[in-house]
């Protein structure tokens, strides 16, 4: 389990690094990417979509729990 988690962390770090380097090579600063992610995270539409997905996930969990307990 820890080995898999470590591998995923390495891949995520490498992906981020490659993205930053490619943005720098195009003449853009990595701050642009950070600001885009921040805007996406704080936008009202994105917040609404996250809340909706969380609500649907909770419903799915309740439904699955109910099905398991009824058997």
N, C-alpha and C. Protein backbone atom coordinates (compact mmCIF):
# COMPACT_ATOMS: atom_id res chain seq x y z
N UNK A 1 0.83 -1.19 0.00
CA UNK A 1 0.00 0.00 0.00
C UNK A 1 0.87 1.26 0.00
N UNK A 2 1.85 1.31 0.91
CA UNK A 2 2.71 2.48 0.98
C UNK A 2 3.54 2.64 -0.28
N UNK A 3 3.93 1.50 -0.85
CA UNK A 3 4.73 1.55 -2.08
C UNK A 3 3.92 2.19 -3.20
N UNK A 4 2.64 1.80 -3.32
CA UNK A 4 1.77 2.36 -4.36
C UNK A 4 1.55 3.85 -4.13
N UNK A 5 1.33 4.23 -2.88
CA UNK A 5 1.14 5.63 -2.55
C UNK A 5 2.38 6.45 -2.89
N UNK A 6 3.54 5.90 -2.59
CA UNK A 6 4.80 6.56 -2.89
C UNK A 6 4.98 6.74 -4.40
N UNK A 7 4.63 5.72 -5.16
CA UNK A 7 4.75 5.79 -6.62
C UNK A 7 3.81 6.86 -7.18
N UNK A 8 2.59 6.93 -6.67
CA UNK A 8 1.63 7.94 -7.13
C UNK A 8 2.14 9.34 -6.78
N UNK A 9 2.73 9.51 -5.60
CA UNK A 9 3.27 10.81 -5.20
C UNK A 9 4.42 11.22 -6.11
N UNK A 10 5.27 10.29 -6.47
CA UNK A 10 6.39 10.58 -7.37
C UNK A 10 5.86 10.98 -8.75
N UNK A 11 4.87 10.26 -9.25
CA UNK A 11 4.31 10.57 -10.55
C UNK A 11 3.65 11.95 -10.55
N UNK A 12 2.91 12.27 -9.48
CA UNK A 12 2.26 13.58 -9.38
C UNK A 12 3.30 14.69 -9.34
N UNK A 13 4.36 14.49 -8.59
CA UNK A 13 5.41 15.51 -8.50
C UNK A 13 6.10 15.69 -9.85
N UNK A 14 6.40 14.59 -10.51
CA UNK A 14 7.05 14.67 -11.81
C UNK A 14 6.15 15.36 -12.83
N UNK A 15 4.87 15.06 -12.79
CA UNK A 15 3.92 15.68 -13.72
C UNK A 15 3.86 17.19 -13.49
N UNK A 16 3.80 17.58 -12.23
CA UNK A 16 3.78 19.00 -11.90
C UNK A 16 5.06 19.67 -12.40
N UNK A 17 6.18 19.06 -12.14
CA UNK A 17 7.47 19.62 -12.54
C UNK A 17 7.55 19.79 -14.05
N UNK A 18 7.14 18.75 -14.78
CA UNK A 18 7.16 18.82 -16.25
C UNK A 18 6.24 19.94 -16.74
N UNK A 19 5.08 20.09 -16.12
CA UNK A 19 4.15 21.15 -16.49
C UNK A 19 4.74 22.53 -16.26
N UNK A 20 5.40 22.70 -15.12
CA UNK A 20 6.02 23.99 -14.81
C UNK A 20 7.13 24.29 -15.80
N UNK A 21 7.95 23.30 -16.09
CA UNK A 21 9.05 23.51 -17.03
C UNK A 21 8.53 23.83 -18.43
N UNK A 22 7.46 23.15 -18.85
CA UNK A 22 6.94 23.43 -20.19
C UNK A 22 6.32 24.83 -20.24
N UNK A 23 5.69 25.25 -19.15
CA UNK A 23 5.12 26.60 -19.11
C UNK A 23 6.23 27.65 -19.16
N UNK A 24 7.32 27.37 -18.47
CA UNK A 24 8.44 28.32 -18.49
C UNK A 24 9.06 28.39 -19.88
N UNK A 25 9.12 27.26 -20.56
CA UNK A 25 9.72 27.27 -21.90
C UNK A 25 8.86 28.02 -22.90
N UNK A 26 7.57 28.12 -22.64
CA UNK A 26 6.68 28.89 -23.51
C UNK A 26 6.67 30.36 -23.14
N UNK A 27 7.42 30.71 -22.09
CA UNK A 27 7.49 32.10 -21.68
C UNK A 27 6.46 32.47 -20.65
N UNK A 28 5.72 31.49 -20.14
CA UNK A 28 4.72 31.78 -19.12
C UNK A 28 5.29 31.39 -17.77
N UNK A 29 4.84 32.06 -16.78
CA UNK A 29 5.29 31.79 -15.42
C UNK A 29 4.38 30.71 -14.81
N UNK A 30 4.92 29.91 -13.93
CA UNK A 30 4.11 28.88 -13.30
C UNK A 30 3.02 29.51 -12.43
N UNK A 31 3.17 30.77 -12.07
CA UNK A 31 2.15 31.47 -11.30
C UNK A 31 0.84 31.53 -12.08
N UNK A 32 0.93 31.62 -13.41
CA UNK A 32 -0.28 31.63 -14.23
C UNK A 32 -1.10 30.38 -13.97
N UNK A 33 -0.44 29.24 -13.95
CA UNK A 33 -1.12 27.98 -13.70
C UNK A 33 -1.74 27.98 -12.30
N UNK A 34 -0.99 28.47 -11.32
CA UNK A 34 -1.49 28.50 -9.95
C UNK A 34 -2.73 29.38 -9.85
N UNK A 35 -2.72 30.52 -10.52
CA UNK A 35 -3.87 31.42 -10.49
C UNK A 35 -5.08 30.81 -11.20
N UNK A 36 -4.83 30.10 -12.28
CA UNK A 36 -5.93 29.45 -12.98
C UNK A 36 -6.58 28.40 -12.09
N UNK A 37 -5.76 27.62 -11.40
CA UNK A 37 -6.30 26.60 -10.50
C UNK A 37 -7.06 27.25 -9.35
N UNK A 38 -6.51 28.34 -8.83
CA UNK A 38 -7.17 29.04 -7.73
C UNK A 38 -8.52 29.60 -8.18
N UNK A 39 -8.57 30.19 -9.36
CA UNK A 39 -9.84 30.72 -9.89
C UNK A 39 -10.84 29.60 -10.09
N UNK A 40 -10.38 28.49 -10.62
CA UNK A 40 -11.27 27.36 -10.82
C UNK A 40 -11.82 26.86 -9.49
N UNK A 41 -10.97 26.80 -8.49
CA UNK A 41 -11.38 26.27 -7.18
C UNK A 41 -12.37 27.21 -6.50
N UNK A 42 -12.19 28.51 -6.67
CA UNK A 42 -13.03 29.46 -5.96
C UNK A 42 -14.24 29.95 -6.76
N UNK A 43 -14.37 29.53 -7.99
CA UNK A 43 -15.50 29.99 -8.79
C UNK A 43 -16.81 29.42 -8.24
N UNK A 44 -17.87 30.20 -8.28
CA UNK A 44 -19.16 29.74 -7.74
C UNK A 44 -19.69 28.48 -8.44
N UNK A 45 -19.47 28.40 -9.75
CA UNK A 45 -19.96 27.23 -10.49
C UNK A 45 -19.24 25.97 -10.03
N UNK A 46 -17.92 26.09 -9.82
CA UNK A 46 -17.15 24.93 -9.38
C UNK A 46 -17.55 24.51 -7.97
N UNK A 47 -17.78 25.49 -7.09
CA UNK A 47 -18.22 25.16 -5.73
C UNK A 47 -19.55 24.44 -5.75
N UNK A 48 -20.45 24.92 -6.60
CA UNK A 48 -21.78 24.31 -6.71
C UNK A 48 -21.66 22.87 -7.22
N UNK A 49 -20.81 22.67 -8.22
CA UNK A 49 -20.62 21.33 -8.78
C UNK A 49 -20.01 20.38 -7.74
N UNK A 50 -19.04 20.88 -6.95
CA UNK A 50 -18.44 20.03 -5.91
C UNK A 50 -19.47 19.66 -4.86
N UNK A 51 -20.29 20.62 -4.45
CA UNK A 51 -21.34 20.32 -3.46
C UNK A 51 -22.31 19.28 -4.00
N UNK A 52 -22.68 19.43 -5.28
CA UNK A 52 -23.62 18.49 -5.89
C UNK A 52 -23.02 17.08 -5.95
N UNK A 53 -21.74 17.00 -6.34
CA UNK A 53 -21.09 15.68 -6.39
C UNK A 53 -20.98 15.06 -5.00
N UNK A 54 -20.69 15.87 -4.00
CA UNK A 54 -20.59 15.36 -2.63
C UNK A 54 -21.95 14.85 -2.16
N UNK A 55 -22.99 15.58 -2.48
CA UNK A 55 -24.34 15.17 -2.09
C UNK A 55 -24.72 13.85 -2.77
N UNK A 56 -24.40 13.73 -4.07
CA UNK A 56 -24.68 12.49 -4.80
C UNK A 56 -23.88 11.33 -4.24
N UNK A 57 -22.64 11.59 -3.85
CA UNK A 57 -21.81 10.53 -3.27
C UNK A 57 -22.40 10.08 -1.94
N UNK A 58 -22.86 11.02 -1.13
CA UNK A 58 -23.47 10.64 0.15
C UNK A 58 -24.72 9.79 -0.08
N UNK A 59 -25.53 10.17 -1.06
CA UNK A 59 -26.72 9.37 -1.39
C UNK A 59 -26.33 7.97 -1.82
N UNK A 60 -25.30 7.87 -2.64
CA UNK A 60 -24.86 6.55 -3.11
C UNK A 60 -24.37 5.69 -1.96
N UNK A 61 -23.66 6.30 -1.03
CA UNK A 61 -23.17 5.55 0.14
C UNK A 61 -24.33 5.07 0.98
N UNK A 62 -25.30 5.95 1.21
CA UNK A 62 -26.48 5.55 2.00
C UNK A 62 -27.24 4.43 1.31
N UNK A 63 -27.37 4.52 0.00
CA UNK A 63 -28.09 3.50 -0.76
C UNK A 63 -27.35 2.16 -0.70
N UNK A 64 -26.04 2.21 -0.86
CA UNK A 64 -25.24 0.97 -0.81
C UNK A 64 -25.29 0.37 0.59
N UNK A 65 -25.22 1.21 1.62
CA UNK A 65 -25.26 0.72 2.99
C UNK A 65 -26.62 0.06 3.26
N UNK A 66 -27.68 0.71 2.77
CA UNK A 66 -29.04 0.17 2.96
C UNK A 66 -29.18 -1.19 2.27
N UNK A 67 -28.63 -1.31 1.07
CA UNK A 67 -28.69 -2.57 0.35
C UNK A 67 -27.90 -3.67 1.05
N UNK A 68 -26.73 -3.31 1.58
CA UNK A 68 -25.91 -4.30 2.28
C UNK A 68 -26.57 -4.75 3.57
N UNK A 69 -27.17 -3.84 4.29
CA UNK A 69 -27.79 -4.18 5.56
C UNK A 69 -29.10 -4.95 5.37
N UNK A 70 -29.77 -4.76 4.25
CA UNK A 70 -31.03 -5.45 4.00
C UNK A 70 -30.80 -6.90 3.60
N UNK A 71 -29.60 -7.23 3.13
CA UNK A 71 -29.32 -8.62 2.71
C UNK A 71 -28.99 -9.49 3.86
